[in-house]
C-alpha atoms as a PDB file:
ATOM      1  CA  MET A   1       0.000   0.000   0.000  1.00  0.00           C
ATOM      2  CA  SER A   2       1.323   3.442  -0.905  1.00  0.00           C
ATOM      3  CA  ASP A   3       1.720   6.219   1.626  1.00  0.00           C
ATOM      4  CA  ALA A   4      -1.040   8.189  -0.079  1.00  0.00           C
ATOM      5  CA  ALA A   5      -3.530   5.369   0.549  1.00  0.00           C
ATOM      6  CA  GLN A   6      -2.635   4.883   4.190  1.00  0.00           C
ATOM      7  CA  PRO A   7      -5.029   6.143   6.860  1.00  0.00           C
ATOM      8  CA  THR A   8      -3.832   9.106   8.886  1.00  0.00           C
ATOM      9  CA  ALA A   9      -2.937   8.866  12.538  1.00  0.00           C
ATOM     10  CA  ALA A  10      -6.122  10.815  13.283  1.00  0.00           C
ATOM     11  CA  GLU A  11      -8.196   8.249  11.387  1.00  0.00           C
ATOM     12  CA  VAL A  12      -6.632   5.423  13.382  1.00  0.00           C
ATOM     13  CA  ARG A  13      -7.349   7.313  16.593  1.00  0.00           C
ATOM     14  CA  ALA A  14     -10.962   7.903  15.501  1.00  0.00           C
ATOM     15  CA  ALA A  15     -11.373   4.198  14.786  1.00  0.00           C
ATOM     16  CA  ALA A  16     -10.055   3.382  18.263  1.00  0.00           C
ATOM     17  CA  GLU A  17     -12.550   5.806  19.799  1.00  0.00           C
ATOM     18  CA  ALA A  18     -15.318   4.137  17.800  1.00  0.00           C
ATOM     19  CA  VAL A  19     -14.345   0.778  19.340  1.00  0.00           C
ATOM     20  CA  LYS A  20     -14.508   2.291  22.831  1.00  0.00           C
ATOM     21  CA  ALA A  21     -17.954   3.726  22.143  1.00  0.00           C
ATOM     22  CA  ALA A  22     -19.139   0.407  20.696  1.00  0.00           C
ATOM     23  CA  LEU A  23     -17.867  -1.412  23.791  1.00  0.00           C
ATOM     24  CA  ASP A  24     -19.862   0.931  25.998  1.00  0.00           C
ATOM     25  CA  ARG A  25     -22.999   0.435  23.904  1.00  0.00           C
ATOM     26  CA  HIS A  26     -22.569  -3.338  23.976  1.00  0.00           C
ATOM     27  CA  LEU A  27     -22.123  -3.435  27.748  1.00  0.00           C
ATOM     28  CA  THR A  28     -25.146  -1.192  28.251  1.00  0.00           C
ATOM     29  CA  ALA A  29     -27.245  -3.441  26.012  1.00  0.00           C
ATOM     30  CA  VAL A  30     -26.125  -6.542  27.930  1.00  0.00           C
ATOM     31  CA  GLU A  31     -26.839  -4.905  31.290  1.00  0.00           C
ATOM     32  CA  ASN A  32     -30.343  -3.945  30.148  1.00  0.00           C
ATOM     33  CA  ARG A  33     -31.216  -7.008  28.097  1.00  0.00           C
ATOM     34  CA  THR A  34     -34.887  -7.954  28.152  1.00  0.00           C
ATOM     35  CA  GLY A  35     -34.458 -11.639  27.373  1.00  0.00           C
ATOM     36  CA  GLU A  36     -32.168 -14.322  26.000  1.00  0.00           C
ATOM     37  CA  ASP A  37     -32.711 -13.183  22.407  1.00  0.00           C
ATOM     38  CA  ASP A  38     -32.823  -9.415  22.979  1.00  0.00           C
ATOM     39  CA  PRO A  39     -32.268  -7.841  19.534  1.00  0.00           C
ATOM     40  CA  ALA A  40     -30.562  -4.819  21.111  1.00  0.00           C
ATOM     41  CA  VAL A  41     -27.749  -7.092  22.333  1.00  0.00           C
ATOM     42  CA  TYR A  42     -27.313  -8.653  18.901  1.00  0.00           C
ATOM     43  CA  GLU A  43     -27.264  -5.244  17.225  1.00  0.00           C
ATOM     44  CA  ALA A  44     -24.686  -3.953  19.722  1.00  0.00           C
ATOM     45  CA  PHE A  45     -22.575  -7.077  19.147  1.00  0.00           C
ATOM     46  CA  ASN A  46     -22.652  -6.554  15.405  1.00  0.00           C
ATOM     47  CA  ALA A  47     -21.755  -2.860  15.752  1.00  0.00           C
ATOM     48  CA  LEU A  48     -18.833  -3.773  18.018  1.00  0.00           C
ATOM     49  CA  ALA A  49     -17.615  -6.360  15.495  1.00  0.00           C
ATOM     50  CA  VAL A  50     -17.708  -3.799  12.681  1.00  0.00           C
ATOM     51  CA  ALA A  51     -15.907  -1.166  14.764  1.00  0.00           C
ATOM     52  CA  ALA A  52     -13.213  -3.634  15.892  1.00  0.00           C
ATOM     53  CA  GLU A  53     -12.605  -4.811  12.327  1.00  0.00           C
ATOM     54  CA  ALA A  54     -12.324  -1.234  11.039  1.00  0.00           C
ATOM     55  CA  TYR A  55      -9.843  -0.341  13.773  1.00  0.00           C
ATOM     56  CA  ASP A  56      -7.796  -3.463  13.122  1.00  0.00           C
ATOM     57  CA  GLU A  57      -7.569  -2.642   9.406  1.00  0.00           C
ATOM     58  CA  ARG A  58      -6.548   0.981   9.969  1.00  0.00           C
ATOM     59  CA  LEU A  59      -4.036   0.028  12.636  1.00  0.00           C
ATOM     60  CA  TYR A  60      -2.410  -2.462  10.298  1.00  0.00           C
ATOM     61  CA  ASP A  61      -2.415  -0.127   7.294  1.00  0.00           C
ATOM     62  CA  ARG A  62      -0.881   2.743   9.263  1.00  0.00           C
ATOM     63  CA  TYR A  63       1.467   0.999  11.717  1.00  0.00           C
ATOM     64  CA  ASP A  64       1.746  -2.595  10.472  1.00  0.00           C
ATOM     65  CA  GLU A  65       0.300  -3.767  13.808  1.00  0.00           C
ATOM     66  CA  VAL A  66      -2.679  -5.986  14.615  1.00  0.00           C
ATOM     67  CA  THR A  67      -5.078  -6.401  17.531  1.00  0.00           C
ATOM     68  CA  PRO A  68      -5.824  -9.615  19.462  1.00  0.00           C
ATOM     69  CA  PHE A  69      -9.495  -9.362  18.427  1.00  0.00           C
ATOM     70  CA  GLU A  70     -11.038 -12.171  16.405  1.00  0.00           C
ATOM     71  CA  ILE A  71     -14.665 -12.148  15.306  1.00  0.00           C
ATOM     72  CA  PRO A  72     -16.094 -15.696  15.007  1.00  0.00           C
ATOM     73  CA  GLY A  73     -17.721 -16.331  11.661  1.00  0.00           C
ATOM     74  CA  ALA A  74     -15.941 -13.487   9.887  1.00  0.00           C
ATOM     75  CA  ASP A  75     -14.383 -15.923   7.410  1.00  0.00           C
ATOM     76  CA  ASP A  76     -17.820 -17.427   6.734  1.00  0.00           C
ATOM     77  CA  ALA A  77     -19.670 -14.145   6.230  1.00  0.00           C
ATOM     78  CA  LEU A  78     -22.630 -14.284   3.912  1.00  0.00           C
ATOM     79  CA  PRO A  79     -22.380 -12.735   0.459  1.00  0.00           C
ATOM     80  CA  PRO A  80     -23.901  -9.287  -0.113  1.00  0.00           C
ATOM     81  CA  TYR A  81     -27.666  -9.226   0.206  1.00  0.00           C
ATOM     82  CA  ALA A  82     -29.374  -9.277  -3.181  1.00  0.00           C
ATOM     83  CA  GLY A  83     -33.009  -9.705  -2.178  1.00  0.00           C
ATOM     84  CA  PRO A  84     -35.832  -7.161  -2.151  1.00  0.00           C
ATOM     85  CA  GLU A  85     -35.507  -4.193   0.205  1.00  0.00           C
ATOM     86  CA  GLU A  86     -39.140  -4.653   1.237  1.00  0.00           C
ATOM     87  CA  PRO A  87     -39.751  -8.434   1.318  1.00  0.00           C
ATOM     88  CA  ASN A  88     -43.324  -9.565   0.767  1.00  0.00           C
ATOM     89  CA  ALA A  89     -42.729 -12.966   2.359  1.00  0.00           C
ATOM     90  CA  LEU A  90     -40.156 -14.770   4.494  1.00  0.00           C
ATOM     91  CA  SER A  91     -38.752 -18.244   4.903  1.00  0.00           C
ATOM     92  CA  VAL A  92     -37.289 -19.090   8.333  1.00  0.00           C
ATOM     93  CA  LEU A  93     -34.801 -21.976   8.245  1.00  0.00           C
ATOM     94  CA  ILE A  94     -33.701 -23.528  11.540  1.00  0.00           C
ATOM     95  CA  ARG A  95     -31.132 -26.241  12.164  1.00  0.00           C
ATOM     96  CA  ARG A  96     -30.457 -27.646  15.636  1.00  0.00           C
ATOM     97  CA  ASP A  97     -28.028 -30.517  16.238  1.00  0.00           C
ATOM     98  CA  TYR A  98     -28.352 -32.956  19.143  1.00  0.00           C
ATOM     99  CA  ALA A  99     -26.355 -35.899  20.442  1.00  0.00           C
ATOM    100  CA  VAL A 100     -28.325 -38.846  21.833  1.00  0.00           C
ATOM    101  CA  VAL A 101     -26.490 -39.230  25.148  1.00  0.00           C
ATOM    102  CA  GLU A 102     -29.119 -41.204  27.110  1.00  0.00           C
ATOM    103  CA  PRO A 103     -30.942 -43.589  24.760  1.00  0.00           C
ATOM    104  CA  ARG A 104     -32.814 -45.267  27.619  1.00  0.00           C
ATOM    105  CA  ARG A 105     -34.225 -41.944  28.802  1.00  0.00           C
ATOM    106  CA  LEU A 106     -35.195 -41.060  25.236  1.00  0.00           C
ATOM    107  CA  ILE A 107     -36.995 -44.377  24.723  1.00  0.00           C
ATOM    108  CA  ALA A 108     -38.730 -44.147  28.124  1.00  0.00           C
ATOM    109  CA  GLN A 109     -40.065 -40.671  27.366  1.00  0.00           C
ATOM    110  CA  ALA A 110     -41.361 -41.803  23.990  1.00  0.00           C
ATOM    111  CA  GLN A 111     -42.999 -44.856  25.527  1.00  0.00           C
ATOM    112  CA  ARG A 112     -44.692 -42.627  28.100  1.00  0.00           C
ATOM    113  CA  VAL A 113     -46.160 -40.491  25.314  1.00  0.00           C
ATOM    114  CA  SER A 114     -47.345 -43.643  23.521  1.00  0.00           C
ATOM    115  CA  ASP A 115     -48.915 -45.034  26.692  1.00  0.00           C
ATOM    116  CA  VAL A 116     -50.810 -41.797  27.394  1.00  0.00           C
ATOM    117  CA  GLU A 117     -52.173 -41.743  23.851  1.00  0.00           C
ATOM    118  CA  ALA A 118     -53.252 -45.362  24.145  1.00  0.00           C
ATOM    119  CA  ALA A 119     -54.968 -44.704  27.494  1.00  0.00           C
ATOM    120  CA  ASP A 120     -56.807 -41.696  26.062  1.00  0.00           C
ATOM    121  CA  GLY A 121     -57.755 -43.553  22.918  1.00  0.00           C
ATOM    122  CA  ALA A 122     -56.021 -40.834  20.928  1.00  0.00           C
ATOM    123  CA  GLY A 123     -53.282 -42.944  19.436  1.00  0.00           C
ATOM    124  CA  ASN A 124     -53.135 -43.226  15.689  1.00  0.00           C
ATOM    125  CA  GLY A 125     -50.652 -46.054  15.541  1.00  0.00           C
ATOM    126  CA  THR A 126     -47.525 -43.889  15.146  1.00  0.00           C
ATOM    127  CA  GLY A 127     -46.497 -44.356  18.769  1.00  0.00           C
ATOM    128  CA  ARG A 128     -46.917 -48.131  18.815  1.00  0.00           C
ATOM    129  CA  GLY A 129     -43.770 -49.864  20.004  1.00  0.00           C
ATOM    130  CA  ALA A 130     -42.136 -46.570  20.955  1.00  0.00           C
ATOM    131  CA  GLY A 131     -39.762 -48.385  23.304  1.00  0.00           C
ATOM    132  CA  ALA A 132     -38.460 -50.679  20.591  1.00  0.00           C
ATOM    133  CA  SER A 133     -35.603 -48.487  19.338  1.00  0.00           C
ATOM    134  CA  THR A 134     -34.045 -45.025  19.440  1.00  0.00           C
ATOM    135  CA  HIS A 135     -35.130 -44.514  15.835  1.00  0.00           C
ATOM    136  CA  THR A 136     -38.788 -45.136  16.691  1.00  0.00           C
ATOM    137  CA  ALA A 137     -38.583 -43.087  19.891  1.00  0.00           C
ATOM    138  CA  LEU A 138     -37.260 -40.047  18.027  1.00  0.00           C
ATOM    139  CA  GLY A 139     -40.165 -40.224  15.606  1.00  0.00           C
ATOM    140  CA  VAL A 140     -42.655 -40.321  18.480  1.00  0.00           C
ATOM    141  CA  LEU A 141     -41.136 -37.426  20.431  1.00  0.00           C
ATOM    142  CA  PHE A 142     -40.604 -35.112  17.468  1.00  0.00           C
ATOM    143  CA  GLY A 143     -44.112 -35.945  16.316  1.00  0.00           C
ATOM    144  CA  GLU A 144     -45.569 -35.052  19.722  1.00  0.00           C
ATOM    145  CA  TYR A 145     -43.598 -31.922  20.650  1.00  0.00           C
ATOM    146  CA  GLU A 146     -42.838 -28.708  18.801  1.00  0.00           C
ATOM    147  CA  PRO A 147     -39.127 -28.155  17.957  1.00  0.00           C
ATOM    148  CA  ASP A 148     -38.917 -25.235  20.425  1.00  0.00           C
ATOM    149  CA  GLU A 149     -40.201 -27.459  23.230  1.00  0.00           C
ATOM    150  CA  ILE A 150     -37.686 -30.151  22.340  1.00  0.00           C
ATOM    151  CA  ALA A 151     -34.975 -27.462  22.507  1.00  0.00           C
ATOM    152  CA  SER A 152     -36.074 -26.236  25.939  1.00  0.00           C
ATOM    153  CA  ARG A 153     -36.520 -29.753  27.375  1.00  0.00           C
ATOM    154  CA  HIS A 154     -33.765 -31.621  25.534  1.00  0.00           C
ATOM    155  CA  LYS A 155     -32.153 -32.947  28.737  1.00  0.00           C
ATOM    156  CA  GLU A 156     -35.435 -34.594  29.741  1.00  0.00           C
ATOM    157  CA  PHE A 157     -35.323 -36.497  26.473  1.00  0.00           C
ATOM    158  CA  GLY A 158     -31.728 -37.689  26.867  1.00  0.00           C
ATOM    159  CA  LEU A 159     -30.360 -35.259  24.294  1.00  0.00           C
ATOM    160  CA  GLU A 160     -27.372 -32.924  24.363  1.00  0.00           C
ATOM    161  CA  GLU A 161     -27.367 -29.689  22.372  1.00  0.00           C
ATOM    162  CA  GLY A 162     -24.888 -29.090  19.578  1.00  0.00           C
ATOM    163  CA  ASP A 163     -24.653 -26.089  17.286  1.00  0.00           C
ATOM    164  CA  SER A 164     -27.743 -24.331  15.991  1.00  0.00           C
ATOM    165  CA  THR A 165     -28.451 -21.699  13.369  1.00  0.00           C
ATOM    166  CA  LEU A 166     -31.462 -19.680  12.246  1.00  0.00           C
ATOM    167  CA  TRP A 167     -31.690 -17.980   8.861  1.00  0.00           C
ATOM    168  CA  VAL A 168     -34.382 -15.491   7.890  1.00  0.00           C
ATOM    169  CA  CYS A 169     -34.596 -15.373   4.092  1.00  0.00           C
ATOM    170  CA  ALA A 170     -36.560 -12.992   1.889  1.00  0.00           C
ATOM    171  CA  THR A 171     -38.876 -14.443  -0.755  1.00  0.00           C
ATOM    172  CA  ASP A 172     -40.801 -12.677  -3.488  1.00  0.00           C
ATOM    173  CA  GLU A 173     -44.100 -14.265  -2.527  1.00  0.00           C
ATOM    174  CA  LEU A 174     -45.465 -17.072  -0.385  1.00  0.00           C
ATOM    175  CA  PRO A 175     -45.052 -20.368  -2.293  1.00  0.00           C
ATOM    176  CA  GLU A 176     -48.065 -22.472  -3.193  1.00  0.00           C
ATOM    177  CA  ALA A 177     -49.041 -25.092  -0.620  1.00  0.00           C
ATOM    178  CA  GLY A 178     -46.792 -28.148  -0.941  1.00  0.00           C
ATOM    179  CA  GLU A 179     -44.552 -26.513  -3.533  1.00  0.00           C
ATOM    180  CA  TRP A 180     -41.234 -26.919  -1.714  1.00  0.00           C
ATOM    181  CA  LEU A 181     -41.909 -29.956   0.492  1.00  0.00           C
ATOM    182  CA  ALA A 182     -39.810 -32.274  -1.673  1.00  0.00           C
ATOM    183  CA  ALA A 183     -36.691 -30.104  -1.103  1.00  0.00           C
ATOM    184  CA  PRO A 184     -37.407 -27.855   1.903  1.00  0.00           C
ATOM    185  CA  PHE A 185     -33.906 -26.789   2.951  1.00  0.00           C
ATOM    186  CA  GLU A 186     -32.460 -25.075  -0.100  1.00  0.00           C
ATOM    187  CA  ALA A 187     -31.516 -21.454   0.586  1.00  0.00           C
ATOM    188  CA  ASP A 188     -30.120 -18.618  -1.507  1.00  0.00           C
ATOM    189  CA  ALA A 189     -27.429 -17.080   0.716  1.00  0.00           C
ATOM    190  CA  GLN A 190     -27.848 -13.724  -1.035  1.00  0.00           C
ATOM    191  CA  ARG A 191     -31.424 -13.518   0.238  1.00  0.00           C
ATOM    192  CA  VAL A 192     -30.584 -14.027   3.908  1.00  0.00           C
ATOM    193  CA  ILE A 193     -31.827 -10.977   5.813  1.00  0.00           C
ATOM    194  CA  CYS A 194     -30.296 -12.027   9.128  1.00  0.00           C
ATOM    195  CA  ARG A 195     -28.642 -15.052  10.651  1.00  0.00           C
ATOM    196  CA  PHE A 196     -28.291 -16.123  14.287  1.00  0.00           C
ATOM    197  CA  ASP A 197     -25.797 -18.810  15.363  1.00  0.00           C
ATOM    198  CA  VAL A 198     -25.288 -20.564  18.699  1.00  0.00           C
ATOM    199  CA  SER A 199     -22.180 -22.710  19.186  1.00  0.00           C
ATOM    200  CA  ALA A 200     -19.923 -23.998  21.946  1.00  0.00           C
ATOM    201  CA  VAL A 201     -17.079 -22.427  19.950  1.00  0.00           C
ATOM    202  CA  PHE A 202     -18.359 -18.989  20.940  1.00  0.00           C
ATOM    203  CA  ASP A 203     -18.807 -20.041  24.582  1.00  0.00           C
ATOM    204  CA  GLU A 204     -15.209 -21.204  24.757  1.00  0.00           C
ATOM    205  CA  ASP A 205     -14.142 -17.740  23.608  1.00  0.00           C
ATOM    206  CA  ASP A 206     -16.436 -16.109  26.229  1.00  0.00           C
ATOM    207  CA  LEU A 207     -18.542 -14.659  23.440  1.00  0.00           C
ATOM    208  CA  GLY A 208     -21.801 -16.504  24.191  1.00  0.00           C
ATOM    209  CA  GLU A 209     -24.528 -16.473  21.592  1.00  0.00           C
ATOM    210  CA  GLU A 210     -23.533 -14.496  18.540  1.00  0.00           C
ATOM    211  CA  LEU A 211     -25.277 -12.746  15.723  1.00  0.00           C
ATOM    212  CA  ASP A 212     -23.168 -13.900  12.790  1.00  0.00           C
ATOM    213  CA  GLU A 213     -24.578 -11.521  10.222  1.00  0.00           C
ATOM    214  CA  LEU A 214     -27.174  -8.775  10.466  1.00  0.00           C
ATOM    215  CA  ARG A 215     -28.165  -6.698   7.469  1.00  0.00           C
ATOM    216  CA  ARG A 216     -30.306  -3.592   7.319  1.00  0.00           C
END
């Protein structure tokens, strides 16, 4: 990089001040969070990430120095958004990974659901033999409970949480009923409005739950 293209010392200083201000905003948002998924915390996180990256770049360009900051997911950032500015419809894609750590507990819970249905006369045959295998038990439990309830009660079902991600994608219009059921998980990364990731990787770095990419 030529000297003419280098940031000035004042620009580096301004970038450092922006990081300090972003840190204050992030801490304030965390202190006043209204819930686990408070959007103000995610927005403050994203602003802090942007400010830290800008400072790091200017510091390197001017002084050939780097910071110890590392933003998880920066290498996997989504491509530029190319969807409509005012989406008429949305697709919300969620992936949650689990390890089956207590198969006996899982099977017992599924059998309990099957027994209650049989006692109430509400069974439709899907829960029959729920205690026969982990495969059958999973079908019973995920057929009985909503995914969010499985997530909140996973330990009761003998499961251990892995990574999870949620993508909100813009669509031009709501698809016809049944149109995408044969291939439900295809996503155009350029139409992702926002993305939220949860991973033990972030916890190990004391970063907690992270907003990987937020566009406006």
